[in-house]
Amino acid sequence: MNAKKGTWVRIHDIVLTAEERSPNIPDDTKKVPLEMWTKGFILQDASIGDIVEVKTITGRKVKGRLVEINPYYSHNFGEFVPELLEIGLQLKTLLWEGDKNE
């Protein structure tokens, strides 16, 4: 897939390798590189996997490997939980109609 100059993209770069990381961090953190994921407007035509430069919303220019074109949020709040729906209905009744046992 190709990105044209000015397209909103996401890039990735390794800021520090595992060996370059500080000895004062937790052991599990020391074992992995420090990674950077940045979104911005690409400054030249490129393809996924190319090293590119982007201009971020704040105006910084950052270089990295092009990993996504027109990135978007794909997270959600999980699957439907019937119990939460029932609790919501009960709460609505209590708030608007009050406790009828009083």
C-alpha atoms as a PDB file:
ATOM      1  CA  MET A   1       0.000   0.000   0.000  1.00  0.00           C
ATOM      2  CA  ASN A   2       1.308   3.465  -0.864  1.00  0.00           C
ATOM      3  CA  ALA A   3       0.972   6.764   0.951  1.00  0.00           C
ATOM      4  CA  LYS A   4       1.014  10.089  -0.841  1.00  0.00           C
ATOM      5  CA  LYS A   5       2.680  13.170   0.600  1.00  0.00           C
ATOM      6  CA  GLY A   6       0.386  14.791   3.175  1.00  0.00           C
ATOM      7  CA  THR A   7      -1.422  11.565   4.168  1.00  0.00           C
ATOM      8  CA  TRP A   8      -2.043  10.881   7.882  1.00  0.00           C
ATOM      9  CA  VAL A   9       0.153   7.899   8.860  1.00  0.00           C
ATOM     10  CA  ARG A  10       1.694   6.065  11.812  1.00  0.00           C
ATOM     11  CA  ILE A  11       5.407   5.336  12.071  1.00  0.00           C
ATOM     12  CA  HIS A  12       7.507   3.167  14.383  1.00  0.00           C
ATOM     13  CA  ASP A  13      11.103   3.452  15.550  1.00  0.00           C
ATOM     14  CA  ILE A  14      13.386   1.872  18.145  1.00  0.00           C
ATOM     15  CA  VAL A  15      14.601   4.703  20.389  1.00  0.00           C
ATOM     16  CA  LEU A  16      16.889   2.514  22.529  1.00  0.00           C
ATOM     17  CA  THR A  17      17.814  -1.138  22.102  1.00  0.00           C
ATOM     18  CA  ALA A  18      17.555  -3.397  25.149  1.00  0.00           C
ATOM     19  CA  GLU A  19      21.332  -3.107  25.623  1.00  0.00           C
ATOM     20  CA  GLU A  20      21.201   0.715  25.596  1.00  0.00           C
ATOM     21  CA  ARG A  21      18.523   0.993  28.285  1.00  0.00           C
ATOM     22  CA  SER A  22      19.279   2.252  31.786  1.00  0.00           C
ATOM     23  CA  PRO A  23      20.307  -0.319  34.395  1.00  0.00           C
ATOM     24  CA  ASN A  24      17.946   1.433  36.864  1.00  0.00           C
ATOM     25  CA  ILE A  25      14.735   0.096  35.342  1.00  0.00           C
ATOM     26  CA  PRO A  26      12.827  -3.118  36.204  1.00  0.00           C
ATOM     27  CA  ASP A  27      14.355  -6.343  34.882  1.00  0.00           C
ATOM     28  CA  ASP A  28      11.445  -7.168  32.579  1.00  0.00           C
ATOM     29  CA  THR A  29      11.662  -3.678  31.062  1.00  0.00           C
ATOM     30  CA  LYS A  30      15.425  -3.994  30.485  1.00  0.00           C
ATOM     31  CA  LYS A  31      14.846  -6.990  28.216  1.00  0.00           C
ATOM     32  CA  VAL A  32      12.920  -5.076  25.532  1.00  0.00           C
ATOM     33  CA  PRO A  33      13.727  -2.043  23.388  1.00  0.00           C
ATOM     34  CA  LEU A  34      12.204   1.384  23.990  1.00  0.00           C
ATOM     35  CA  GLU A  35       9.846   1.864  21.059  1.00  0.00           C
ATOM     36  CA  MET A  36       8.242   4.988  19.586  1.00  0.00           C
ATOM     37  CA  TRP A  37       4.921   5.021  17.731  1.00  0.00           C
ATOM     38  CA  THR A  38       4.043   8.399  16.207  1.00  0.00           C
ATOM     39  CA  LYS A  39       1.277   9.716  13.984  1.00  0.00           C
ATOM     40  CA  GLY A  40       1.687  12.581  11.559  1.00  0.00           C
ATOM     41  CA  PHE A  41       1.455  13.827   7.995  1.00  0.00           C
ATOM     42  CA  ILE A  42       3.962  12.087   5.732  1.00  0.00           C
ATOM     43  CA  LEU A  43       6.379  14.448   3.997  1.00  0.00           C
ATOM     44  CA  GLN A  44       7.036  12.289   0.894  1.00  0.00           C
ATOM     45  CA  ASP A  45       5.360   9.523  -1.097  1.00  0.00           C
ATOM     46  CA  ALA A  46       6.210   6.115   0.382  1.00  0.00           C
ATOM     47  CA  SER A  47       5.165   2.493   0.868  1.00  0.00           C
ATOM     48  CA  ILE A  48       4.591   0.478   4.036  1.00  0.00           C
ATOM     49  CA  GLY A  49       7.989  -0.490   5.455  1.00  0.00           C
ATOM     50  CA  ASP A  50       9.861   2.544   4.089  1.00  0.00           C
ATOM     51  CA  ILE A  51      11.774   4.871   6.401  1.00  0.00           C
ATOM     52  CA  VAL A  52       9.922   8.191   6.227  1.00  0.00           C
ATOM     53  CA  GLU A  53       9.629  11.573   7.899  1.00  0.00           C
ATOM     54  CA  VAL A  54       6.342  12.894   9.273  1.00  0.00           C
ATOM     55  CA  LYS A  55       5.203  16.223  10.650  1.00  0.00           C
ATOM     56  CA  THR A  56       3.124  15.773  13.795  1.00  0.00           C
ATOM     57  CA  ILE A  57       0.127  17.850  14.828  1.00  0.00           C
ATOM     58  CA  THR A  58       2.447  19.814  17.139  1.00  0.00           C
ATOM     59  CA  GLY A  59       4.830  20.564  14.268  1.00  0.00           C
ATOM     60  CA  ARG A  60       7.658  18.174  15.186  1.00  0.00           C
ATOM     61  CA  LYS A  61       9.424  16.322  12.385  1.00  0.00           C
ATOM     62  CA  VAL A  62      10.069  12.673  13.230  1.00  0.00           C
ATOM     63  CA  LYS A  63      11.598   9.784  11.247  1.00  0.00           C
ATOM     64  CA  GLY A  64      10.579   6.150  11.448  1.00  0.00           C
ATOM     65  CA  ARG A  65       9.345   3.119   9.534  1.00  0.00           C
ATOM     66  CA  LEU A  66       5.927   3.560   7.915  1.00  0.00           C
ATOM     67  CA  VAL A  67       3.574   0.989   9.474  1.00  0.00           C
ATOM     68  CA  GLU A  68       0.032   2.264   8.842  1.00  0.00           C
ATOM     69  CA  ILE A  69      -1.802   4.604   6.493  1.00  0.00           C
ATOM     70  CA  ASN A  70      -4.819   6.522   7.843  1.00  0.00           C
ATOM     71  CA  PRO A  71      -4.579   4.931  11.325  1.00  0.00           C
ATOM     72  CA  TYR A  72      -7.674   4.768  13.503  1.00  0.00           C
ATOM     73  CA  TYR A  73      -8.631   3.576  16.976  1.00  0.00           C
ATOM     74  CA  SER A  74      -9.853  -0.006  16.939  1.00  0.00           C
ATOM     75  CA  HIS A  75     -10.313  -0.660  20.669  1.00  0.00           C
ATOM     76  CA  ASN A  76     -13.695  -1.216  22.308  1.00  0.00           C
ATOM     77  CA  PHE A  77     -15.125  -1.847  25.758  1.00  0.00           C
ATOM     78  CA  GLY A  78     -15.448  -5.600  25.393  1.00  0.00           C
ATOM     79  CA  GLU A  79     -18.403  -7.879  24.844  1.00  0.00           C
ATOM     80  CA  PHE A  80     -21.954  -7.323  26.045  1.00  0.00           C
ATOM     81  CA  VAL A  81     -22.535  -8.104  29.750  1.00  0.00           C
ATOM     82  CA  PRO A  82     -26.241  -8.756  30.469  1.00  0.00           C
ATOM     83  CA  GLU A  83     -25.802  -8.170  34.209  1.00  0.00           C
ATOM     84  CA  LEU A  84     -24.654  -4.596  33.573  1.00  0.00           C
ATOM     85  CA  LEU A  85     -27.775  -3.886  31.534  1.00  0.00           C
ATOM     86  CA  GLU A  86     -29.972  -5.161  34.368  1.00  0.00           C
ATOM     87  CA  ILE A  87     -28.072  -3.090  36.941  1.00  0.00           C
ATOM     88  CA  GLY A  88     -28.498  -0.010  34.746  1.00  0.00           C
ATOM     89  CA  LEU A  89     -32.265  -0.552  34.504  1.00  0.00           C
ATOM     90  CA  GLN A  90     -32.546  -1.076  38.276  1.00  0.00           C
ATOM     91  CA  LEU A  91     -30.524   2.071  38.955  1.00  0.00           C
ATOM     92  CA  LYS A  92     -32.687   4.105  36.601  1.00  0.00           C
ATOM     93  CA  THR A  93     -35.809   2.908  38.418  1.00  0.00           C
ATOM     94  CA  LEU A  94     -34.332   3.779  41.820  1.00  0.00           C
ATOM     95  CA  LEU A  95     -33.211   7.231  40.710  1.00  0.00           C
ATOM     96  CA  TRP A  96     -36.426   8.255  38.957  1.00  0.00           C
ATOM     97  CA  GLU A  97     -39.090   6.404  40.944  1.00  0.00           C
ATOM     98  CA  GLY A  98     -37.445   5.985  44.359  1.00  0.00           C
ATOM     99  CA  ASP A  99     -37.485   2.955  46.640  1.00  0.00           C
ATOM    100  CA  LYS A 100     -41.127   1.802  46.919  1.00  0.00           C
ATOM    101  CA  ASN A 101     -40.291  -0.195  50.082  1.00  0.00           C
ATOM    102  CA  GLU A 102     -39.960   2.925  52.214  1.00  0.00           C
END
